[in-house]
Amino acid sequence: VMVGIIDPGLIALAVSLFLFPIYSTPSVRGRLIRWLGSLGKSGDEQQKAAAIAALVGNGADAHAVLETATALFRCLRVSRLEPADLADSGLKSPRAAQSQVAPAPATSAEDLAKKTEAAKPGEVDAFFSHSWRDEETAPGQKFEALARWAAKQGADRRSLSSEASDPTIWLDKACINQDNVDKALLCLPVFLASCKGLLCVAG
């Protein structure tokens, strides 16, 4: 299992370049230009991400997306995670039903959400990028990789006498409101831009 951090600014740029040709009809292009122009020099990463989310959301209001994302933004302290929390997505899939291997006991999304806490943009260490299917071939290794990353982050902070030595992540299963998934998914670009980095655990 490999672990890496990517600057979310680069991800936002890549997403922008990918989406612009798809959504560059005259009306959408006009909205994009007006919105980016309104940001001026004061626009931050969250505002730019909200503009992207608004385009993907078929013309949703960018200001409303930003407001919603700010209200829904949560994080999870890695120290509160257990192997069972990452054993399964909590969603039932045909592939899982056909598996001959008995699934490991997994924490439900509802129970895992109880471990999260409200967060402010810019204070969460990493947006956690992973695949739930990794657990089918390498059970437990994703948790071990995340624990190693968190231990290194904590050690680095303690050496700098930082008070906040407990790393935090944005994890889909824990931080997406399961009662309003569509609204949360629309906010994904803002959630990503609100984290300090993108942590990729590639199985």
Protein backbone atom coordinates (compact mmCIF):
# COMPACT_ATOMS: atom_id res chain seq x y z
CA VAL A 1 0.00 0.00 0.00
CA MET A 2 1.44 3.36 -1.04
CA VAL A 3 0.75 6.67 0.68
CA GLY A 4 1.24 10.10 -0.84
CA ILE A 5 0.24 13.74 -0.34
CA ILE A 6 -0.81 15.93 -3.28
CA ASP A 7 -1.38 19.68 -3.17
CA PRO A 8 -5.17 20.25 -3.48
CA GLY A 9 -4.46 23.36 -5.56
CA LEU A 10 -3.06 21.14 -8.32
CA ILE A 11 -6.12 18.91 -8.08
CA ALA A 12 -8.44 21.91 -8.39
CA LEU A 13 -6.53 23.09 -11.47
CA ALA A 14 -6.74 19.63 -13.07
CA VAL A 15 -10.46 19.42 -12.37
CA SER A 16 -10.95 22.90 -13.85
CA LEU A 17 -9.11 22.01 -17.06
CA PHE A 18 -11.09 18.79 -17.38
CA LEU A 19 -14.49 20.32 -16.73
CA PHE A 20 -14.21 23.50 -18.78
CA PRO A 21 -14.45 21.85 -22.24
CA ILE A 22 -17.39 19.76 -21.05
CA TYR A 23 -19.37 22.66 -19.64
CA SER A 24 -18.25 25.45 -21.96
CA THR A 25 -21.60 26.18 -23.59
CA PRO A 26 -22.15 29.94 -24.06
CA SER A 27 -24.49 30.29 -21.07
CA VAL A 28 -22.32 28.24 -18.71
CA ARG A 29 -19.15 29.92 -19.96
CA GLY A 30 -20.72 33.29 -19.24
CA ARG A 31 -21.64 32.26 -15.71
CA LEU A 32 -18.11 30.97 -15.12
CA ILE A 33 -16.48 34.16 -16.36
CA ARG A 34 -18.80 36.37 -14.30
CA TRP A 35 -18.26 34.25 -11.18
CA LEU A 36 -14.47 34.10 -11.47
CA GLY A 37 -14.44 37.82 -12.20
CA SER A 38 -16.45 38.50 -9.06
CA LEU A 39 -13.82 36.69 -6.98
CA GLY A 40 -11.13 39.20 -7.89
CA LYS A 41 -8.01 39.05 -5.80
CA SER A 42 -9.92 38.05 -2.70
CA GLY A 43 -11.09 34.67 -4.03
CA ASP A 44 -9.77 31.72 -2.05
CA GLU A 45 -9.56 28.01 -2.79
CA GLN A 46 -12.98 27.30 -1.27
CA GLN A 47 -14.70 29.92 -3.45
CA LYS A 48 -13.04 28.60 -6.60
CA ALA A 49 -14.01 25.05 -5.68
CA ALA A 50 -17.59 26.20 -5.10
CA ALA A 51 -17.63 27.65 -8.62
CA ILE A 52 -16.55 24.26 -10.00
CA ALA A 53 -19.17 22.48 -7.89
CA ALA A 54 -21.84 24.86 -9.17
CA LEU A 55 -20.96 24.02 -12.77
CA VAL A 56 -21.04 20.29 -12.11
CA GLY A 57 -24.31 20.76 -10.24
CA ASN A 58 -26.05 21.94 -13.40
CA GLY A 59 -26.14 25.62 -12.57
CA ALA A 60 -26.40 25.47 -8.78
CA ASP A 61 -25.68 28.76 -7.05
CA ALA A 62 -21.99 28.85 -6.12
CA HIS A 63 -22.56 30.99 -3.03
CA ALA A 64 -25.19 28.53 -1.79
CA VAL A 65 -22.83 25.59 -2.43
CA LEU A 66 -20.09 27.30 -0.44
CA GLU A 67 -22.47 28.05 2.42
CA THR A 68 -23.77 24.48 2.48
CA ALA A 69 -20.28 22.97 2.31
CA THR A 70 -19.08 25.15 5.17
CA ALA A 71 -22.01 24.01 7.30
CA LEU A 72 -21.52 20.31 6.43
CA PHE A 73 -17.71 20.20 6.65
CA ARG A 74 -16.55 17.66 9.24
CA CYS A 75 -13.39 15.79 10.08
CA LEU A 76 -12.23 12.67 11.87
CA ARG A 77 -9.21 12.37 14.15
CA VAL A 78 -7.11 9.42 13.00
CA SER A 79 -6.54 8.42 16.64
CA ARG A 80 -10.27 7.65 16.90
CA LEU A 81 -10.20 5.20 13.99
CA GLU A 82 -10.16 1.42 14.41
CA PRO A 83 -9.55 -1.28 11.76
CA ALA A 84 -13.29 -2.07 11.69
CA ASP A 85 -14.00 1.51 10.60
CA LEU A 86 -12.19 0.92 7.31
CA ALA A 87 -13.22 -2.71 6.82
CA ASP A 88 -16.23 -1.85 4.68
CA SER A 89 -17.95 1.14 3.09
CA GLY A 90 -21.19 0.30 4.83
CA LEU A 91 -22.94 0.07 1.45
CA LYS A 92 -24.19 -3.24 0.09
CA SER A 93 -22.97 -4.12 -3.40
CA PRO A 94 -23.68 -7.10 -5.71
CA ARG A 95 -19.96 -7.87 -5.75
CA ALA A 96 -19.83 -8.10 -1.96
CA ALA A 97 -22.88 -10.36 -1.93
CA GLN A 98 -21.21 -12.78 -4.38
CA SER A 99 -17.94 -12.93 -2.47
CA GLN A 100 -17.01 -16.32 -1.02
CA VAL A 101 -15.02 -14.65 1.76
CA ALA A 102 -16.91 -13.74 4.91
CA PRO A 103 -16.70 -9.97 5.38
CA ALA A 104 -14.92 -8.63 8.45
CA PRO A 105 -17.13 -6.94 11.04
CA ALA A 106 -17.40 -3.31 10.00
CA THR A 107 -18.51 -0.12 11.69
CA SER A 108 -21.68 1.36 10.19
CA ALA A 109 -21.54 4.78 8.56
CA GLU A 110 -23.95 6.09 11.19
CA ASP A 111 -21.74 4.93 14.09
CA LEU A 112 -18.58 6.20 12.43
CA ALA A 113 -20.18 9.62 11.88
CA LYS A 114 -20.53 9.91 15.67
CA LYS A 115 -16.72 10.06 15.88
CA THR A 116 -16.50 13.12 13.63
CA GLU A 117 -16.49 16.76 14.63
CA ALA A 118 -17.32 20.02 12.90
CA ALA A 119 -14.36 21.60 11.13
CA LYS A 120 -13.44 24.92 9.58
CA PRO A 121 -11.95 25.29 6.07
CA GLY A 122 -8.17 25.04 6.14
CA GLU A 123 -7.81 23.22 9.44
CA VAL A 124 -8.23 19.58 8.32
CA ASP A 125 -4.94 17.89 7.47
CA ALA A 126 -5.95 15.67 4.59
CA PHE A 127 -8.75 14.63 2.27
CA PHE A 128 -8.45 10.82 2.37
CA SER A 129 -8.50 9.27 -1.12
CA HIS A 130 -8.82 5.48 -1.25
CA SER A 131 -10.80 2.56 -2.62
CA TRP A 132 -13.09 0.44 -0.49
CA ARG A 133 -12.34 -2.52 -2.78
CA ASP A 134 -8.79 -2.64 -1.41
CA GLU A 135 -10.24 -4.42 1.62
CA GLU A 136 -11.20 -7.37 -0.60
CA THR A 137 -7.58 -8.16 -1.47
CA ALA A 138 -5.56 -6.55 1.32
CA PRO A 139 -7.74 -6.36 4.44
CA GLY A 140 -6.36 -4.13 7.15
CA GLN A 141 -3.43 -2.75 5.16
CA LYS A 142 -5.15 0.55 4.41
CA PHE A 143 -5.67 1.15 8.13
CA GLU A 144 -2.02 0.31 8.81
CA ALA A 145 -0.85 2.74 6.11
CA LEU A 146 -3.04 5.50 7.50
CA ALA A 147 -1.81 4.83 11.05
CA ARG A 148 1.83 5.09 9.89
CA TRP A 149 1.11 8.40 8.16
CA ALA A 150 -0.64 9.76 11.25
CA ALA A 151 2.21 8.66 13.53
CA LYS A 152 4.75 10.48 11.34
CA GLN A 153 2.58 13.60 11.23
CA GLY A 154 2.18 13.54 15.01
CA ALA A 155 5.91 13.05 15.59
CA ASP A 156 6.77 15.94 13.28
CA ARG A 157 4.36 18.22 15.12
CA ARG A 158 5.58 17.23 18.55
CA SER A 159 9.13 18.06 17.47
CA LEU A 160 7.86 21.53 16.59
CA SER A 161 6.07 21.82 19.94
CA SER A 162 2.70 21.99 18.18
CA GLU A 163 -0.32 21.59 20.42
CA ALA A 164 -2.39 19.84 17.75
CA SER A 165 -0.40 16.63 17.26
CA ASP A 166 -3.42 14.49 16.38
CA PRO A 167 -3.87 14.52 12.56
CA THR A 168 -7.36 14.88 11.10
CA ILE A 169 -8.81 13.61 7.82
CA TRP A 170 -11.95 13.95 5.73
CA LEU A 171 -13.25 10.40 5.19
CA ASP A 172 -16.24 9.79 2.90
CA LYS A 173 -17.93 7.13 5.02
CA ALA A 174 -17.71 9.25 8.16
CA CYS A 175 -18.07 12.80 6.87
CA ILE A 176 -20.83 12.51 4.23
CA ASN A 177 -24.30 12.98 5.66
CA GLN A 178 -25.98 9.68 4.76
CA ASP A 179 -29.42 11.31 5.01
CA ASN A 180 -28.55 13.84 2.30
CA VAL A 181 -25.90 12.24 0.12
CA ASP A 182 -26.71 14.25 -3.03
CA LYS A 183 -26.18 17.58 -1.29
CA ALA A 184 -22.92 16.37 0.25
CA LEU A 185 -21.59 15.06 -3.07
CA LEU A 186 -22.22 18.44 -4.70
CA CYS A 187 -19.93 19.94 -2.05
CA LEU A 188 -17.02 17.53 -2.68
CA PRO A 189 -14.81 20.08 -4.52
CA VAL A 190 -15.20 22.48 -1.59
CA PHE A 191 -14.46 19.73 0.95
CA LEU A 192 -11.26 18.91 -0.97
CA ALA A 193 -10.21 22.56 -1.21
CA SER A 194 -10.90 22.99 2.51
CA CYS A 195 -8.25 20.40 3.45
CA LYS A 196 -4.53 21.14 3.67
CA GLY A 197 -3.63 18.22 1.43
CA LEU A 198 -4.86 15.17 -0.47
CA LEU A 199 -3.75 11.88 1.12
CA CYS A 200 -3.75 9.04 -1.43
CA VAL A 201 -3.58 5.46 -0.19
CA ALA A 202 -3.23 3.41 -3.35
CA GLY A 203 -3.87 -0.30 -2.95
